Protein backbone atom coordinates (compact mmCIF):
# COMPACT_ATOMS: atom_id res chain seq x y z
CA MET A 1 131.25 239.89 197.51
CA ALA A 2 130.20 238.26 200.79
CA THR A 3 126.94 240.37 200.71
CA ASP A 4 126.30 239.16 197.15
CA ARG A 5 126.84 235.51 198.14
CA ARG A 6 124.54 235.95 201.17
CA HIS A 7 121.86 237.47 198.92
CA ARG A 8 122.00 234.69 196.37
CA ARG A 9 121.91 232.14 199.14
CA TYR A 10 118.77 233.83 200.55
CA LEU A 11 117.12 233.74 197.08
CA LEU A 12 117.93 230.05 196.67
CA THR A 13 116.55 229.32 200.14
CA LEU A 14 113.25 231.01 199.28
CA ALA A 15 113.13 229.15 195.93
CA GLY A 16 113.78 225.84 197.63
CA LEU A 17 111.16 226.53 200.35
CA PHE A 18 108.62 227.47 197.72
CA LEU A 19 109.33 224.25 195.76
CA LEU A 20 108.63 222.29 198.92
CA ILE A 21 105.33 224.14 199.46
CA TRP A 22 104.43 223.79 195.80
CA GLY A 23 105.12 220.06 195.90
CA ALA A 24 103.03 219.56 199.00
CA LEU A 25 100.05 221.53 197.60
CA ALA A 26 100.34 219.75 194.20
CA ILE A 27 99.25 216.51 195.90
CA ASP A 28 95.60 215.73 195.35
CA PRO A 29 94.29 219.26 194.69
CA PHE A 30 90.51 219.91 194.81
CA ASN A 31 90.32 220.22 191.01
CA ARG A 32 93.42 219.07 189.07
CA HIS A 33 92.38 220.91 185.86
CA ASP A 34 91.88 224.17 187.70
CA TRP A 35 95.20 223.63 189.55
CA LEU A 36 96.96 223.37 186.19
CA LEU A 37 95.34 226.54 184.92
CA GLU A 38 96.16 228.49 188.08
CA ASN A 39 99.77 227.33 187.88
CA LEU A 40 100.25 228.94 184.52
CA LEU A 41 100.81 232.21 186.51
CA VAL A 42 103.61 230.57 188.52
CA VAL A 43 105.25 229.19 185.39
CA GLY A 44 105.10 232.57 183.71
CA LEU A 45 106.57 234.40 186.68
CA ALA A 46 109.28 231.81 187.16
CA ALA A 47 110.21 231.97 183.51
CA ALA A 48 110.42 235.74 183.62
CA LEU A 49 112.68 235.72 186.70
CA LEU A 50 114.93 233.00 185.23
CA LEU A 51 115.25 234.63 181.84
CA GLY A 52 115.96 238.07 183.35
CA HIS A 53 118.18 237.00 186.30
CA LYS A 54 121.32 238.41 184.61
CA HIS A 55 119.70 241.84 184.50
CA TYR A 56 117.53 241.75 187.62
CA LEU A 57 117.77 239.89 190.91
CA PRO A 58 115.06 240.87 193.43
CA SER A 59 116.25 242.32 196.68
CA ASP A 60 115.64 240.41 199.89
CA SER A 61 112.53 242.44 200.54
CA ALA A 62 111.08 242.03 197.01
CA ALA A 63 111.88 238.31 196.94
CA THR A 64 110.18 237.81 200.29
CA LEU A 65 107.05 239.66 199.09
CA ILE A 66 106.96 237.59 195.86
CA PHE A 67 107.37 234.36 197.85
CA LEU A 68 104.48 235.29 200.16
CA TYR A 69 102.16 236.13 197.24
CA LEU A 70 102.98 232.87 195.46
CA CYS A 71 102.25 230.88 198.66
CA ILE A 72 98.81 232.50 198.86
CA HIS A 73 98.25 231.78 195.19
CA GLN A 74 99.24 228.11 195.64
CA LEU A 75 96.81 227.70 198.51
CA GLY A 76 94.06 228.98 196.24
CA ALA A 77 95.20 226.75 193.41
CA HIS A 78 95.13 223.64 195.67
CA TYR A 79 91.63 224.15 197.08
CA THR A 80 90.24 226.41 194.26
CA TYR A 81 89.79 229.99 195.30
CA ALA A 82 86.12 229.57 196.14
CA ASN A 83 86.71 226.62 198.49
CA VAL A 84 89.81 227.49 200.66
CA PRO A 85 88.55 226.36 204.10
CA TYR A 86 89.83 229.33 206.06
CA ASN A 87 86.51 229.51 207.83
CA ASP A 88 86.89 225.91 209.11
CA TRP A 89 90.49 226.60 210.25
CA TRP A 90 89.37 229.71 212.14
CA GLN A 91 86.50 227.82 213.74
CA ALA A 92 88.87 225.08 214.88
CA LEU A 93 91.07 227.72 216.54
CA THR A 94 88.43 229.95 218.07
CA GLY A 95 85.24 227.89 218.17
CA GLU A 96 83.44 230.33 215.91
CA GLY A 97 83.53 230.81 212.06
CA LEU A 98 85.26 233.93 210.76
CA ASN A 99 82.52 234.47 208.18
CA GLU A 100 79.90 234.41 210.89
CA GLN A 101 81.87 236.89 213.05
CA LEU A 102 82.33 239.34 210.15
CA GLY A 103 78.93 238.83 208.50
CA TRP A 104 80.37 237.43 205.24
CA GLU A 105 78.12 235.34 203.06
CA ARG A 106 80.76 234.06 200.61
CA ASN A 107 84.24 232.61 200.67
CA GLN A 108 86.52 235.69 200.71
CA PHE A 109 89.85 234.04 199.99
CA ASP A 110 89.86 235.23 196.39
CA ARG A 111 89.46 238.84 197.68
CA LEU A 112 92.47 238.31 199.91
CA ALA A 113 94.49 237.02 196.93
CA HIS A 114 93.60 240.05 194.75
CA PHE A 115 94.40 242.48 197.58
CA SER A 116 97.67 240.64 198.17
CA TYR A 117 98.52 240.93 194.51
CA GLY A 118 98.73 244.69 194.85
CA LEU A 119 99.99 244.77 198.42
CA LEU A 120 102.83 242.32 197.88
CA LEU A 121 103.85 242.77 194.27
CA ALA A 122 103.69 246.56 193.79
CA TYR A 123 107.08 246.98 195.58
CA PRO A 124 108.86 244.40 193.37
CA MET A 125 107.33 246.11 190.34
CA ARG A 126 108.73 249.44 191.52
CA GLU A 127 112.10 247.86 192.02
CA VAL A 128 112.10 246.53 188.40
CA LEU A 129 111.16 249.98 187.12
CA ILE A 130 114.03 251.60 189.01
CA ARG A 131 116.48 248.98 187.76
CA LEU A 132 115.31 249.89 184.27
CA GLY A 133 116.27 253.48 184.77
CA LEU A 134 113.19 255.13 186.38
CA ARG A 135 114.23 257.71 188.98
CA PRO A 136 112.96 256.87 192.53
CA GLY A 137 110.55 259.78 192.70
CA ILE A 138 106.80 260.25 192.64
CA TRP A 139 106.39 258.38 189.34
CA SER A 140 108.12 255.35 190.82
CA LEU A 141 105.27 255.28 193.36
CA ILE A 142 102.44 255.97 190.86
CA LEU A 143 103.37 253.61 188.00
CA PRO A 144 103.31 250.41 190.13
CA ILE A 145 99.70 251.19 191.08
CA ASP A 146 98.92 251.73 187.40
CA ILE A 147 100.58 248.47 186.44
CA VAL A 148 98.69 246.51 189.16
CA LEU A 149 95.38 248.00 188.07
CA SER A 150 95.98 247.37 184.32
CA THR A 151 97.31 243.83 184.81
CA SER A 152 94.33 243.08 187.10
CA ALA A 153 91.99 244.18 184.34
CA ILE A 154 93.88 242.04 181.78
CA TYR A 155 93.69 239.05 184.12
CA GLU A 156 89.91 239.54 184.52
CA LEU A 157 89.59 239.54 180.71
CA ILE A 158 91.67 236.32 180.59
CA GLU A 159 89.43 234.75 183.22
CA TRP A 160 86.31 235.68 181.27
CA PHE A 161 87.76 234.37 177.97
CA GLY A 162 89.02 231.21 179.72
CA ALA A 163 85.64 230.53 181.32
CA GLU A 164 83.91 230.95 177.99
CA MET A 165 86.31 228.55 176.32
CA LEU A 166 86.17 225.96 179.13
CA GLY A 167 82.49 226.18 179.74
CA GLY A 168 80.54 224.24 182.37
CA GLY A 169 81.72 223.55 185.88
CA LEU A 170 85.48 223.99 185.07
CA GLY A 171 84.78 227.48 183.64
CA ARG A 172 82.78 228.50 186.69
CA THR A 173 85.46 227.16 189.01
CA PHE A 174 88.16 229.11 187.16
CA LEU A 175 86.11 232.29 187.11
CA ALA A 176 85.23 231.96 190.80
CA THR A 177 82.72 234.84 190.88
CA GLN A 178 80.48 232.98 193.41
CA ASN A 179 77.40 234.59 191.79
CA ASP A 180 78.67 238.14 192.40
CA ARG A 181 78.11 240.15 189.22
CA TRP A 182 80.49 242.85 190.47
CA ASP A 183 83.25 240.37 191.29
CA PRO A 184 85.71 241.61 188.59
CA GLN A 185 85.33 245.24 189.66
CA LYS A 186 85.74 244.44 193.32
CA ASP A 187 88.87 242.34 192.60
CA MET A 188 90.47 245.10 190.61
CA ALA A 189 89.62 247.70 193.32
CA LEU A 190 91.17 245.52 196.03
CA ALA A 191 94.34 245.00 194.01
CA ALA A 192 94.67 248.75 193.35
CA GLY A 193 93.95 249.42 197.04
CA GLY A 194 96.69 246.98 198.13
CA ALA A 195 99.17 248.65 195.72
CA LEU A 196 98.23 252.12 197.02
CA ILE A 197 98.88 251.00 200.59
CA ALA A 198 102.20 249.42 199.54
CA MET A 199 103.34 252.61 197.73
CA ILE A 200 102.28 254.88 200.57
CA VAL A 201 104.39 252.81 202.99
CA THR A 202 107.28 252.74 200.55
CA GLY A 203 107.11 256.53 200.13
CA ILE A 204 107.03 257.06 203.91
CA MET A 205 110.05 254.70 204.42
CA ALA A 206 111.98 256.45 201.66
CA ARG A 207 111.42 259.83 203.35
CA VAL A 208 112.52 258.42 206.72
CA ARG A 209 115.71 256.91 205.25
CA ARG A 210 116.69 260.02 203.31
CA PRO A 211 117.81 262.17 206.30
CA ARG A 212 119.78 259.15 207.68
CA ARG A 213 121.69 258.79 204.44
CA ALA A 214 122.37 262.52 204.30
CA SER A 215 123.77 262.50 207.89
CA GLN A 216 125.97 259.56 207.11
CA ALA A 217 127.41 261.15 203.97
């Protein structure tokens, strides 16, 4: 019971901290219309967690990963993904731009966000699948990668449809391809790569823990 109370307190702490960050980044965003569109993802995820909380509460690890991803997403929503000034921040810290150091010619924050989608959310997806009855074996490591890749493809289609409907500057801002014709494919590949890394780490950790549990039994 004490563990359950501590867990719920941790979840409420993360939720409260995110609301503070969300509120701060909701002030004077770079493009209010794009901010509203980007926050549809947050509303959808929050609604899913609230509606399903009686059947699924994320573990501390899963909740922390979800929190980190949403913070990255909110940063992109505030500045728009193509204009997050990470290069200026790095230059202020080191005296040299990160893009110049790495030879990048575009703003790479959207690439980080797509990679983070797979890296940070594959584990919570696996946790949901196991709670739904999937055995924690090889398929519990493969299916989250499949889900990340398929949802990434669906999101790219939604972006394309949304950009067509919005048109003009807002459509281009929402799409955020930065004149890269292979942008959707690269985004999906990064998301899948992040999920692959997450599931490899998860599989290794599960193997390490198994002998410990057997010795304690």
